[in-house]
């Protein structure tokens, strides 16, 4: 029997049980990233968090077929919270928001993600949803798919 579950979680590493989130005027850009509050920041709030490793253990979930990460520049910390799951081959695919822009504080650099995931035998498989910004025209960010080899 196939079981499909969609879970929406915030799961960085090394935070214990709670951390501060920056609330933005656009809710899809709330962030745990410890950067200066932007002009769009409206407040901060303390939220409960769990690492992916802790969540899988407490939920008795054996593996993840597709892990989607969109945490506004916090993707590497989320992956560090999945270290045991990555080591034990519990994750097959990872789809993460990323950038190639060196000055982008709101997205994790593709080279950073790639170097980290290569340690667990993941390879870049595809790039989706490219966002082009103007003035100057450039590729801003995108979703990158990593596959376990």
Protein backbone atom coordinates (compact mmCIF):
# COMPACT_ATOMS: atom_id res chain seq x y z
CA UNK A 1 0.00 0.00 0.00
CA UNK A 2 1.25 3.48 -0.90
CA UNK A 3 0.92 6.22 1.69
CA UNK A 4 1.15 9.85 0.66
CA UNK A 5 1.60 12.52 3.29
CA UNK A 6 2.19 16.22 2.92
CA UNK A 7 3.71 17.83 5.98
CA UNK A 8 4.53 21.53 6.34
CA UNK A 9 7.22 22.01 8.96
CA UNK A 10 9.98 24.32 10.08
CA UNK A 11 12.96 22.14 10.95
CA UNK A 12 16.38 23.79 11.37
CA UNK A 13 19.26 22.14 13.21
CA UNK A 14 20.68 23.09 16.60
CA UNK A 15 17.80 25.16 17.96
CA UNK A 16 16.32 22.97 20.67
CA UNK A 17 12.59 23.51 20.88
CA UNK A 18 12.07 27.10 19.77
CA UNK A 19 13.54 29.96 17.83
CA UNK A 20 12.70 33.47 16.60
CA UNK A 21 11.09 33.94 13.18
CA UNK A 22 11.04 37.25 11.32
CA UNK A 23 7.52 38.02 10.14
CA UNK A 24 7.29 39.86 6.83
CA UNK A 25 4.46 41.83 5.25
CA UNK A 26 4.37 39.04 2.62
CA UNK A 27 3.84 35.84 4.63
CA UNK A 28 5.64 33.66 2.10
CA UNK A 29 8.91 35.38 3.00
CA UNK A 30 8.88 34.83 6.79
CA UNK A 31 12.39 33.72 7.74
CA UNK A 32 14.46 32.13 10.50
CA UNK A 33 17.55 33.53 8.80
CA UNK A 34 19.50 35.75 11.18
CA UNK A 35 19.85 38.75 8.89
CA UNK A 36 19.06 42.40 9.45
CA UNK A 37 15.35 43.08 9.59
CA UNK A 38 14.30 44.35 6.19
CA UNK A 39 11.86 47.17 5.57
CA UNK A 40 9.22 44.46 5.01
CA UNK A 41 9.71 42.96 8.48
CA UNK A 42 6.74 43.66 10.67
CA UNK A 43 7.58 41.71 13.82
CA UNK A 44 9.25 38.65 15.27
CA UNK A 45 7.68 35.67 16.96
CA UNK A 46 8.95 32.66 18.93
CA UNK A 47 7.93 29.37 17.30
CA UNK A 48 8.38 25.68 18.11
CA UNK A 49 10.71 23.75 15.82
CA UNK A 50 12.05 20.21 15.38
CA UNK A 51 14.85 18.88 13.25
CA UNK A 52 13.97 16.49 10.46
CA UNK A 53 15.86 13.74 12.30
CA UNK A 54 13.86 14.32 15.49
CA UNK A 55 10.58 14.58 13.60
CA UNK A 56 11.13 11.30 11.74
CA UNK A 57 12.04 9.54 14.97
CA UNK A 58 9.10 10.88 16.99
CA UNK A 59 6.62 10.32 14.14
CA UNK A 60 7.92 6.81 13.39
CA UNK A 61 8.42 7.69 9.73
CA UNK A 62 10.99 5.46 8.03
CA UNK A 63 11.89 7.58 5.01
CA UNK A 64 11.11 10.61 2.88
CA UNK A 65 10.61 10.26 -0.86
CA UNK A 66 10.70 14.01 -1.57
CA UNK A 67 11.87 16.67 0.86
CA UNK A 68 10.89 20.20 -0.30
CA UNK A 69 12.78 23.01 1.41
CA UNK A 70 11.85 26.68 0.97
CA UNK A 71 13.10 28.49 4.05
CA UNK A 72 14.33 31.84 2.68
CA UNK A 73 18.06 31.26 2.98
CA UNK A 74 17.91 28.68 5.77
CA UNK A 75 18.07 25.56 3.60
CA UNK A 76 21.54 24.46 4.75
CA UNK A 77 20.54 24.60 8.42
CA UNK A 78 17.45 22.50 7.67
CA UNK A 79 19.66 19.92 5.93
CA UNK A 80 22.05 19.88 8.89
CA UNK A 81 19.02 18.96 11.00
CA UNK A 82 18.60 15.92 8.73
CA UNK A 83 22.19 14.68 9.05
CA UNK A 84 21.32 11.20 10.36
CA UNK A 85 18.54 10.81 7.80
CA UNK A 86 20.96 11.74 5.03
CA UNK A 87 23.67 9.39 6.38
CA UNK A 88 21.19 6.52 6.67
CA UNK A 89 19.74 6.99 3.16
CA UNK A 90 16.28 7.91 4.45
CA UNK A 91 15.79 10.73 1.92
CA UNK A 92 15.57 10.01 -1.82
CA UNK A 93 14.98 13.43 -3.40
CA UNK A 94 15.50 16.99 -2.19
CA UNK A 95 13.90 20.00 -3.88
CA UNK A 96 15.33 23.22 -2.47
CA UNK A 97 15.07 26.90 -3.28
CA UNK A 98 18.49 28.26 -4.24
CA UNK A 99 20.42 31.04 -6.02
CA UNK A 100 23.65 31.65 -7.89
CA UNK A 101 23.79 35.31 -6.83
CA UNK A 102 26.59 35.89 -4.31
CA UNK A 103 24.84 38.89 -2.72
CA UNK A 104 21.45 37.18 -2.19
CA UNK A 105 20.84 36.93 1.58
CA UNK A 106 17.38 35.40 1.19
CA UNK A 107 18.31 32.24 -0.76
CA UNK A 108 21.00 29.62 -0.19
CA UNK A 109 23.78 29.52 -2.78
CA UNK A 110 23.65 26.54 -5.13
CA UNK A 111 27.35 25.74 -4.63
CA UNK A 112 26.85 25.64 -0.86
CA UNK A 113 23.96 23.18 -1.15
CA UNK A 114 25.74 21.08 -3.75
CA UNK A 115 28.97 20.79 -1.72
CA UNK A 116 27.02 19.77 1.38
CA UNK A 117 24.81 17.21 -0.35
CA UNK A 118 27.69 15.67 -2.32
CA UNK A 119 28.93 14.38 1.06
CA UNK A 120 25.78 12.23 1.16
CA UNK A 121 26.00 11.14 -2.49
CA UNK A 122 23.31 13.48 -3.86
CA UNK A 123 23.64 14.96 -7.35
CA UNK A 124 21.89 17.85 -9.06
CA UNK A 125 19.22 16.38 -11.31
CA UNK A 126 17.22 19.39 -12.55
CA UNK A 127 16.48 23.08 -12.04
CA UNK A 128 12.90 24.37 -12.04
CA UNK A 129 10.91 27.58 -11.56
CA UNK A 130 13.61 30.09 -12.49
CA UNK A 131 12.80 33.64 -11.37
CA UNK A 132 14.33 36.43 -13.46
CA UNK A 133 14.74 39.86 -11.88
CA UNK A 134 15.18 43.09 -13.82
CA UNK A 135 17.46 46.10 -13.38
CA UNK A 136 19.88 44.49 -13.84
CA UNK A 137 18.43 41.45 -15.59
CA UNK A 138 19.63 38.31 -13.83
CA UNK A 139 18.59 34.86 -12.68
CA UNK A 140 17.49 35.51 -9.11
CA UNK A 141 16.49 32.15 -7.65
CA UNK A 142 15.06 28.75 -8.59
CA UNK A 143 14.23 25.30 -7.26
CA UNK A 144 16.96 22.69 -7.62
CA UNK A 145 16.32 18.95 -7.46
CA UNK A 146 18.94 16.69 -5.89
CA UNK A 147 18.71 12.91 -6.28
CA UNK A 148 20.31 10.26 -4.10
CA UNK A 149 22.74 8.23 -6.23
